[in-house]
Amino acid sequence: MISFRPGPDPVGALVRHVLAAIAGDRRTDLSPTATELEAFRAQLRGAPTLLAARLTTIAHERGGRVSSAIDQLEEIFTQAPARRSGSSS
């Protein structure tokens, strides 16, 4: 199970936790390097289905299944930077 609070950088948090889970069985240091983080983030931008493939790999290596639950919709409003009034974006 990968469980985390996304905070102000939800994609970054997702990338960190997925990479740590992938490396979990192979490294003692579970913190991905900055290079690994940026590379995986860029890969996900280019091919969003890569996330499903990585999660499937993690599940297969551990003899489990993939299930995803996202319960942080409110963080879109509580963690996002405030927009200025009169702004069109």
Protein backbone atom coordinates (compact mmCIF):
# COMPACT_ATOMS: atom_id res chain seq x y z
CA MET A 1 0.00 0.00 0.00
CA ILE A 2 1.24 3.44 -0.89
CA SER A 3 -0.42 6.05 1.29
CA PHE A 4 0.50 9.72 1.51
CA ARG A 5 -0.82 13.27 1.77
CA PRO A 6 -0.19 15.09 -1.50
CA GLY A 7 0.33 18.56 0.00
CA PRO A 8 1.12 21.53 -2.26
CA ASP A 9 2.92 19.34 -4.86
CA PRO A 10 0.66 16.32 -5.43
CA VAL A 11 2.49 15.06 -8.52
CA GLY A 12 5.84 15.34 -6.74
CA ALA A 13 4.50 13.44 -3.74
CA LEU A 14 3.09 10.73 -5.99
CA VAL A 15 6.40 10.44 -7.87
CA ARG A 16 8.42 10.23 -4.62
CA HIS A 17 6.20 7.53 -3.12
CA VAL A 18 5.94 5.39 -6.25
CA LEU A 19 9.72 5.50 -6.80
CA ALA A 20 10.34 4.67 -3.13
CA ALA A 21 7.97 1.69 -3.41
CA ILE A 22 9.72 0.48 -6.56
CA ALA A 23 13.14 0.80 -4.93
CA GLY A 24 11.95 -0.54 -1.57
CA ASP A 25 13.04 -4.08 -2.20
CA ARG A 26 16.34 -3.16 -3.83
CA ARG A 27 17.78 -0.23 -1.83
CA THR A 28 18.26 0.63 1.80
CA ASP A 29 17.93 4.35 1.05
CA LEU A 30 14.28 4.80 0.02
CA SER A 31 14.66 8.45 -0.95
CA PRO A 32 14.83 8.81 -4.74
CA THR A 33 17.47 11.19 -6.05
CA ALA A 34 16.49 14.53 -7.57
CA THR A 35 17.47 13.17 -10.98
CA GLU A 36 15.21 10.12 -10.54
CA LEU A 37 12.32 12.32 -9.40
CA GLU A 38 12.57 14.70 -12.35
CA ALA A 39 13.02 11.88 -14.86
CA PHE A 40 9.95 10.01 -13.61
CA ARG A 41 7.90 13.21 -13.45
CA ALA A 42 8.81 13.96 -17.08
CA GLN A 43 8.01 10.38 -18.11
CA LEU A 44 4.57 10.64 -16.48
CA ARG A 45 3.86 13.92 -18.28
CA GLY A 46 4.71 12.27 -21.59
CA ALA A 47 2.89 9.00 -20.91
CA PRO A 48 0.38 9.16 -18.04
CA THR A 49 -0.40 5.43 -18.44
CA LEU A 50 3.13 4.76 -17.17
CA LEU A 51 1.76 5.20 -13.64
CA ALA A 52 -0.50 2.16 -14.09
CA ALA A 53 2.43 0.15 -15.41
CA ARG A 54 4.63 1.09 -12.45
CA LEU A 55 1.90 0.28 -9.93
CA THR A 56 1.28 -3.07 -11.64
CA THR A 57 5.02 -3.84 -11.42
CA ILE A 58 5.02 -3.06 -7.69
CA ALA A 59 1.95 -5.26 -7.12
CA HIS A 60 3.36 -8.12 -9.19
CA GLU A 61 6.70 -8.07 -7.35
CA ARG A 62 4.86 -8.26 -4.03
CA GLY A 63 2.23 -10.76 -5.11
CA GLY A 64 -0.60 -8.27 -4.73
CA ARG A 65 -3.07 -6.26 -6.75
CA VAL A 66 -3.44 -2.65 -7.79
CA SER A 67 -6.17 -0.52 -6.28
CA SER A 68 -6.29 3.25 -6.28
CA ALA A 69 -8.28 5.51 -3.99
CA ILE A 70 -7.90 9.29 -4.13
CA ASP A 71 -9.60 11.16 -1.32
CA GLN A 72 -7.99 14.56 -1.42
CA LEU A 73 -10.29 16.61 -3.61
CA GLU A 74 -10.53 19.31 -0.97
CA GLU A 75 -6.78 19.88 -1.22
CA ILE A 76 -7.32 21.36 -4.67
CA PHE A 77 -8.87 24.26 -2.78
CA THR A 78 -6.89 24.22 0.47
CA GLN A 79 -3.38 23.66 -0.95
CA ALA A 80 -3.59 25.57 -4.24
CA PRO A 81 -2.24 29.11 -4.31
CA ALA A 82 -4.94 31.74 -3.98
CA ARG A 83 -5.96 33.49 -7.19
CA ARG A 84 -6.06 37.24 -7.30
CA SER A 85 -9.46 38.84 -7.72
CA GLY A 86 -10.07 40.06 -11.22
CA SER A 87 -7.77 37.39 -12.65
CA SER A 88 -9.07 35.62 -15.73
CA SER A 89 -7.09 32.38 -15.13
